[in-house]
């Protein structure tokens, strides 16, 4: 006899709960990361007098072009 059948299917129910919990946790984790990316700014925080003396790198320019 299958062990899942022997315990009345409780093991199968437990497995489905774990899967649902894992899916919920994954979605929660993704929501957290989406919120973090929305808070990121690619603006140079330096005062204008420093920006004029320190040129923007090609990487910074490409990131600004893609993300604004």
PDB file of N, CA and C in Angstrom:
ATOM      1  N   UNK A   1       0.858  -1.186   0.000  1.00  0.00           N
ATOM      2  CA  UNK A   1       0.000   0.000   0.000  1.00  0.00           C
ATOM      3  C   UNK A   1       0.902   1.246   0.000  1.00  0.00           C
ATOM      4  N   UNK A   2       0.482   2.235  -0.748  1.00  0.00           N
ATOM      5  CA  UNK A   2       1.207   3.498  -0.835  1.00  0.00           C
ATOM      6  C   UNK A   2       1.129   4.225   0.514  1.00  0.00           C
ATOM      7  N   UNK A   3       2.254   4.753   1.018  1.00  0.00           N
ATOM      8  CA  UNK A   3       2.222   5.455   2.321  1.00  0.00           C
ATOM      9  C   UNK A   3       1.243   6.620   2.347  1.00  0.00           C
ATOM     10  N   UNK A   4       1.054   7.292   1.199  1.00  0.00           N
ATOM     11  CA  UNK A   4       0.105   8.410   1.167  1.00  0.00           C
ATOM     12  C   UNK A   4      -1.316   7.914   1.380  1.00  0.00           C
ATOM     13  N   UNK A   5      -1.589   6.702   0.875  1.00  0.00           N
ATOM     14  CA  UNK A   5      -2.916   6.133   1.075  1.00  0.00           C
ATOM     15  C   UNK A   5      -3.083   5.666   2.518  1.00  0.00           C
ATOM     16  N   UNK A   6      -1.994   5.158   3.108  1.00  0.00           N
ATOM     17  CA  UNK A   6      -2.063   4.606   4.468  1.00  0.00           C
ATOM     18  C   UNK A   6      -2.425   5.682   5.482  1.00  0.00           C
ATOM     19  N   UNK A   7      -1.964   6.917   5.272  1.00  0.00           N
ATOM     20  CA  UNK A   7      -2.260   7.965   6.249  1.00  0.00           C
ATOM     21  C   UNK A   7      -3.461   8.811   5.831  1.00  0.00           C
ATOM     22  N   UNK A   8      -4.261   8.282   4.926  1.00  0.00           N
ATOM     23  CA  UNK A   8      -5.489   8.981   4.539  1.00  0.00           C
ATOM     24  C   UNK A   8      -5.249  10.168   3.634  1.00  0.00           C
ATOM     25  N   UNK A   9      -4.081  10.228   2.988  1.00  0.00           N
ATOM     26  CA  UNK A   9      -3.796  11.328   2.071  1.00  0.00           C
ATOM     27  C   UNK A   9      -3.265  12.576   2.745  1.00  0.00           C
ATOM     28  N   UNK A  10      -3.001  12.526   4.043  1.00  0.00           N
ATOM     29  CA  UNK A  10      -2.494  13.712   4.746  1.00  0.00           C
ATOM     30  C   UNK A  10      -1.165  14.177   4.168  1.00  0.00           C
ATOM     31  N   UNK A  11      -0.340  13.238   3.748  1.00  0.00           N
ATOM     32  CA  UNK A  11       0.965  13.607   3.194  1.00  0.00           C
ATOM     33  C   UNK A  11       0.780  14.402   1.900  1.00  0.00           C
ATOM     34  N   UNK A  12      -0.147  13.977   1.055  1.00  0.00           N
ATOM     35  CA  UNK A  12      -0.407  14.701  -0.192  1.00  0.00           C
ATOM     36  C   UNK A  12      -0.906  16.110   0.101  1.00  0.00           C
ATOM     37  N   UNK A  13      -1.752  16.243   1.095  1.00  0.00           N
ATOM     38  CA  UNK A  13      -2.233  17.575   1.468  1.00  0.00           C
ATOM     39  C   UNK A  13      -1.103  18.430   1.997  1.00  0.00           C
ATOM     40  N   UNK A  14      -0.222  17.846   2.788  1.00  0.00           N
ATOM     41  CA  UNK A  14       0.920  18.593   3.319  1.00  0.00           C
ATOM     42  C   UNK A  14       1.820  19.048   2.187  1.00  0.00           C
ATOM     43  N   UNK A  15       2.042  18.192   1.194  1.00  0.00           N
ATOM     44  CA  UNK A  15       2.869  18.564   0.049  1.00  0.00           C
ATOM     45  C   UNK A  15       2.266  19.733  -0.707  1.00  0.00           C
ATOM     46  N   UNK A  16       0.953  19.731  -0.892  1.00  0.00           N
ATOM     47  CA  UNK A  16       0.326  20.835  -1.618  1.00  0.00           C
ATOM     48  C   UNK A  16       0.404  22.123  -0.820  1.00  0.00           C
ATOM     49  N   UNK A  17       0.318  22.038   0.498  1.00  0.00           N
ATOM     50  CA  UNK A  17       0.461  23.244   1.328  1.00  0.00           C
ATOM     51  C   UNK A  17       1.863  23.803   1.212  1.00  0.00           C
ATOM     52  N   UNK A  18       2.864  22.945   1.192  1.00  0.00           N
ATOM     53  CA  UNK A  18       4.241  23.412   1.065  1.00  0.00           C
ATOM     54  C   UNK A  18       4.445  24.097  -0.281  1.00  0.00           C
ATOM     55  N   UNK A  19       3.896  23.519  -1.328  1.00  0.00           N
ATOM     56  CA  UNK A  19       4.024  24.112  -2.643  1.00  0.00           C
ATOM     57  C   UNK A  19       3.361  25.478  -2.677  1.00  0.00           C
ATOM     58  N   UNK A  20       2.161  25.569  -2.141  1.00  0.00           N
ATOM     59  CA  UNK A  20       1.459  26.845  -2.109  1.00  0.00           C
ATOM     60  C   UNK A  20       2.252  27.863  -1.301  1.00  0.00           C
ATOM     61  N   UNK A  21       2.785  27.440  -0.179  1.00  0.00           N
ATOM     62  CA  UNK A  21       3.585  28.344   0.649  1.00  0.00           C
ATOM     63  C   UNK A  21       4.831  28.799  -0.111  1.00  0.00           C
ATOM     64  N   UNK A  22       5.472  27.886  -0.819  1.00  0.00           N
ATOM     65  CA  UNK A  22       6.669  28.236  -1.586  1.00  0.00           C
ATOM     66  C   UNK A  22       6.329  29.241  -2.691  1.00  0.00           C
ATOM     67  N   UNK A  23       5.195  29.025  -3.362  1.00  0.00           N
ATOM     68  CA  UNK A  23       4.772  29.953  -4.418  1.00  0.00           C
ATOM     69  C   UNK A  23       4.473  31.324  -3.818  1.00  0.00           C
ATOM     70  N   UNK A  24       3.774  31.343  -2.694  1.00  0.00           N
ATOM     71  CA  UNK A  24       3.475  32.615  -2.026  1.00  0.00           C
ATOM     72  C   UNK A  24       4.757  33.316  -1.601  1.00  0.00           C
ATOM     73  N   UNK A  25       5.694  32.554  -1.060  1.00  0.00           N
ATOM     74  CA  UNK A  25       6.959  33.142  -0.628  1.00  0.00           C
ATOM     75  C   UNK A  25       7.725  33.702  -1.821  1.00  0.00           C
ATOM     76  N   UNK A  26       7.692  32.973  -2.933  1.00  0.00           N
ATOM     77  CA  UNK A  26       8.378  33.445  -4.143  1.00  0.00           C
ATOM     78  C   UNK A  26       7.773  34.763  -4.605  1.00  0.00           C
ATOM     79  N   UNK A  27       6.451  34.842  -4.634  1.00  0.00           N
ATOM     80  CA  UNK A  27       5.797  36.070  -5.059  1.00  0.00           C
ATOM     81  C   UNK A  27       6.098  37.222  -4.103  1.00  0.00           C
ATOM     82  N   UNK A  28       6.125  36.934  -2.808  1.00  0.00           N
ATOM     83  CA  UNK A  28       6.460  37.952  -1.821  1.00  0.00           C
ATOM     84  C   UNK A  28       7.887  38.447  -2.037  1.00  0.00           C
ATOM     85  N   UNK A  29       8.805  37.524  -2.284  1.00  0.00           N
ATOM     86  CA  UNK A  29      10.209  37.868  -2.532  1.00  0.00           C
ATOM     87  C   UNK A  29      10.325  38.741  -3.779  1.00  0.00           C
ATOM     88  N   UNK A  30       9.593  38.390  -4.828  1.00  0.00           N
ATOM     89  CA  UNK A  30       9.618  39.197  -6.055  1.00  0.00           C
ATOM     90  C   UNK A  30       9.044  40.579  -5.810  1.00  0.00           C
ATOM     91  N   UNK A  31       7.972  40.668  -5.030  1.00  0.00           N
ATOM     92  CA  UNK A  31       7.387  41.971  -4.712  1.00  0.00           C
ATOM     93  C   UNK A  31       8.383  42.853  -3.972  1.00  0.00           C
ATOM     94  N   UNK A  32       9.119  42.261  -3.048  1.00  0.00           N
ATOM     95  CA  UNK A  32      10.126  43.015  -2.300  1.00  0.00           C
ATOM     96  C   UNK A  32      11.190  43.550  -3.257  1.00  0.00           C
ATOM     97  N   UNK A  33      11.654  42.705  -4.166  1.00  0.00           N
ATOM     98  CA  UNK A  33      12.685  43.140  -5.117  1.00  0.00           C
ATOM     99  C   UNK A  33      12.156  44.197  -6.082  1.00  0.00           C
ATOM    100  N   UNK A  34      10.911  44.063  -6.514  1.00  0.00           N
ATOM    101  CA  UNK A  34      10.331  45.091  -7.385  1.00  0.00           C
ATOM    102  C   UNK A  34      10.281  46.432  -6.658  1.00  0.00           C
ATOM    103  N   UNK A  35       9.879  46.402  -5.403  1.00  0.00           N
ATOM    104  CA  UNK A  35       9.810  47.640  -4.620  1.00  0.00           C
ATOM    105  C   UNK A  35      11.195  48.254  -4.456  1.00  0.00           C
ATOM    106  N   UNK A  36      12.197  47.410  -4.250  1.00  0.00           N
ATOM    107  CA  UNK A  36      13.565  47.923  -4.100  1.00  0.00           C
ATOM    108  C   UNK A  36      14.042  48.570  -5.397  1.00  0.00           C
ATOM    109  N   UNK A  37      13.753  47.953  -6.534  1.00  0.00           N
ATOM    110  CA  UNK A  37      14.218  48.519  -7.800  1.00  0.00           C
ATOM    111  C   UNK A  37      13.521  49.832  -8.110  1.00  0.00           C
ATOM    112  N   UNK A  38      12.286  49.990  -7.639  1.00  0.00           N
ATOM    113  CA  UNK A  38      11.588  51.255  -7.851  1.00  0.00           C
ATOM    114  C   UNK A  38      12.176  52.381  -7.019  1.00  0.00           C
ATOM    115  N   UNK A  39      12.882  52.036  -5.940  1.00  0.00           N
ATOM    116  CA  UNK A  39      13.482  53.051  -5.076  1.00  0.00           C
ATOM    117  C   UNK A  39      14.867  53.488  -5.547  1.00  0.00           C
ATOM    118  N   UNK A  40      15.453  52.742  -6.477  1.00  0.00           N
ATOM    119  CA  UNK A  40      16.807  53.031  -6.931  1.00  0.00           C
ATOM    120  C   UNK A  40      16.785  54.217  -7.882  1.00  0.00           C
ATOM    121  N   UNK A  41      17.742  55.091  -7.710  1.00  0.00           N
ATOM    122  CA  UNK A  41      17.877  56.248  -8.578  1.00  0.00           C
ATOM    123  C   UNK A  41      19.260  56.238  -9.213  1.00  0.00           C
ATOM    124  N   UNK A  42      19.315  56.602 -10.460  1.00  0.00           N
ATOM    125  CA  UNK A  42      20.604  56.678 -11.138  1.00  0.00           C
ATOM    126  C   UNK A  42      21.070  58.120 -11.273  1.00  0.00           C
ATOM    127  N   UNK A  43      20.475  58.999 -10.513  1.00  0.00           N
ATOM    128  CA  UNK A  43      20.894  60.396 -10.532  1.00  0.00           C
ATOM    129  C   UNK A  43      22.182  60.562  -9.747  1.00  0.00           C
ATOM    130  N   UNK A  44      23.062  61.361 -10.266  1.00  0.00           N
ATOM    131  CA  UNK A  44      24.320  61.648  -9.589  1.00  0.00           C
ATOM    132  C   UNK A  44      24.032  62.597  -8.434  1.00  0.00           C
ATOM    133  N   UNK A  45      24.314  62.197  -7.199  1.00  0.00           N
ATOM    134  CA  UNK A  45      23.962  63.031  -6.048  1.00  0.00           C
ATOM    135  C   UNK A  45      24.951  64.162  -5.777  1.00  0.00           C
ATOM    136  N   UNK A  46      26.034  64.229  -6.526  1.00  0.00           N
ATOM    137  CA  UNK A  46      27.041  65.257  -6.265  1.00  0.00           C
ATOM    138  C   UNK A  46      26.530  66.645  -6.645  1.00  0.00           C
ATOM    139  N   UNK A  47      26.989  67.658  -5.936  1.00  0.00           N
ATOM    140  CA  UNK A  47      26.642  69.032  -6.314  1.00  0.00           C
ATOM    141  C   UNK A  47      27.175  69.337  -7.718  1.00  0.00           C
ATOM    142  N   UNK A  48      26.542  70.267  -8.388  1.00  0.00           N
ATOM    143  CA  UNK A  48      26.892  70.596  -9.778  1.00  0.00           C
ATOM    144  C   UNK A  48      28.369  70.949  -9.961  1.00  0.00           C
ATOM    145  N   UNK A  49      28.974  71.635  -8.984  1.00  0.00           N
ATOM    146  CA  UNK A  49      30.390  72.017  -9.136  1.00  0.00           C
ATOM    147  C   UNK A  49      31.306  70.785  -9.187  1.00  0.00           C
ATOM    148  N   UNK A  50      30.934  69.719  -8.503  1.00  0.00           N
ATOM    149  CA  UNK A  50      31.724  68.487  -8.563  1.00  0.00           C
ATOM    150  C   UNK A  50      31.436  67.706  -9.843  1.00  0.00           C
ATOM    151  N   UNK A  51      30.184  67.703 -10.258  1.00  0.00           N
ATOM    152  CA  UNK A  51      29.829  66.999 -11.494  1.00  0.00           C
ATOM    153  C   UNK A  51      30.614  67.558 -12.674  1.00  0.00           C
ATOM    154  N   UNK A  52      30.817  68.875 -12.691  1.00  0.00           N
ATOM    155  CA  UNK A  52      31.539  69.511 -13.795  1.00  0.00           C
ATOM    156  C   UNK A  52      32.999  69.061 -13.824  1.00  0.00           C
ATOM    157  N   UNK A  53      33.586  68.793 -12.647  1.00  0.00           N
ATOM    158  CA  UNK A  53      34.995  68.380 -12.577  1.00  0.00           C
ATOM    159  C   UNK A  53      35.184  66.877 -12.764  1.00  0.00           C
ATOM    160  N   UNK A  54      34.146  66.091 -12.521  1.00  0.00           N
ATOM    161  CA  UNK A  54      34.256  64.634 -12.617  1.00  0.00           C
ATOM    162  C   UNK A  54      33.344  64.171 -13.764  1.00  0.00           C
ATOM    163  N   UNK A  55      33.935  63.839 -14.902  1.00  0.00           N
ATOM    164  CA  UNK A  55      33.090  63.452 -16.038  1.00  0.00           C
ATOM    165  C   UNK A  55      32.364  62.121 -15.780  1.00  0.00           C
ATOM    166  N   UNK A  56      31.206  62.004 -16.376  1.00  0.00           N
ATOM    167  CA  UNK A  56      30.421  60.784 -16.245  1.00  0.00           C
ATOM    168  C   UNK A  56      31.068  59.678 -17.083  1.00  0.00           C
ATOM    169  N   UNK A  57      31.173  58.481 -16.516  1.00  0.00           N
ATOM    170  CA  UNK A  57      31.781  57.368 -17.251  1.00  0.00           C
ATOM    171  C   UNK A  57      30.832  56.858 -18.330  1.00  0.00           C
ATOM    172  N   UNK A  58      31.376  56.072 -19.254  1.00  0.00           N
ATOM    173  CA  UNK A  58      30.543  55.496 -20.308  1.00  0.00           C
ATOM    174  C   UNK A  58      29.485  54.564 -19.712  1.00  0.00           C
ATOM    175  N   UNK A  59      29.855  53.843 -18.661  1.00  0.00           N
ATOM    176  CA  UNK A  59      28.901  52.943 -18.016  1.00  0.00           C
ATOM    177  C   UNK A  59      27.752  53.735 -17.427  1.00  0.00           C
ATOM    178  N   UNK A  60      28.065  54.811 -16.733  1.00  0.00           N
ATOM    179  CA  UNK A  60      27.011  55.647 -16.136  1.00  0.00           C
ATOM    180  C   UNK A  60      26.102  56.208 -17.226  1.00  0.00           C
ATOM    181  N   UNK A  61      26.694  56.654 -18.321  1.00  0.00           N
ATOM    182  CA  UNK A  61      25.900  57.200 -19.414  1.00  0.00           C
ATOM    183  C   UNK A  61      24.994  56.138 -20.026  1.00  0.00           C
ATOM    184  N   UNK A  62      25.499  54.916 -20.182  1.00  0.00           N
ATOM    185  CA  UNK A  62      24.671  53.854 -20.769  1.00  0.00           C
ATOM    186  C   UNK A  62      23.540  53.454 -19.819  1.00  0.00           C
ATOM    187  N   UNK A  63      23.813  53.428 -18.524  1.00  0.00           N
ATOM    188  CA  UNK A  63      22.767  53.098 -17.547  1.00  0.00           C
ATOM    189  C   UNK A  63      21.698  54.181 -17.564  1.00  0.00           C
ATOM    190  N   UNK A  64      22.122  55.424 -17.608  1.00  0.00           N
ATOM    191  CA  UNK A  64      21.167  56.543 -17.642  1.00  0.00           C
ATOM    192  C   UNK A  64      20.321  56.473 -18.917  1.00  0.00           C
ATOM    193  N   UNK A  65      20.939  56.095 -20.042  1.00  0.00           N
ATOM    194  CA  UNK A  65      20.202  56.005 -21.311  1.00  0.00           C
ATOM    195  C   UNK A  65      19.135  54.919 -21.244  1.00  0.00           C
ATOM    196  N   UNK A  66      19.441  53.808 -20.569  1.00  0.00           N
ATOM    197  CA  UNK A  66      18.496  52.699 -20.499  1.00  0.00           C
ATOM    198  C   UNK A  66      17.420  52.943 -19.442  1.00  0.00           C
ATOM    199  N   UNK A  67      17.823  53.399 -18.275  1.00  0.00           N
ATOM    200  CA  UNK A  67      16.880  53.494 -17.156  1.00  0.00           C
ATOM    201  C   UNK A  67      16.375  54.901 -16.884  1.00  0.00           C
ATOM    202  N   UNK A  68      16.959  55.888 -17.493  1.00  0.00           N
ATOM    203  CA  UNK A  68      16.493  57.252 -17.276  1.00  0.00           C
ATOM    204  C   UNK A  68      17.122  57.927 -16.108  1.00  0.00           C
TER     205      UNK A  68
END
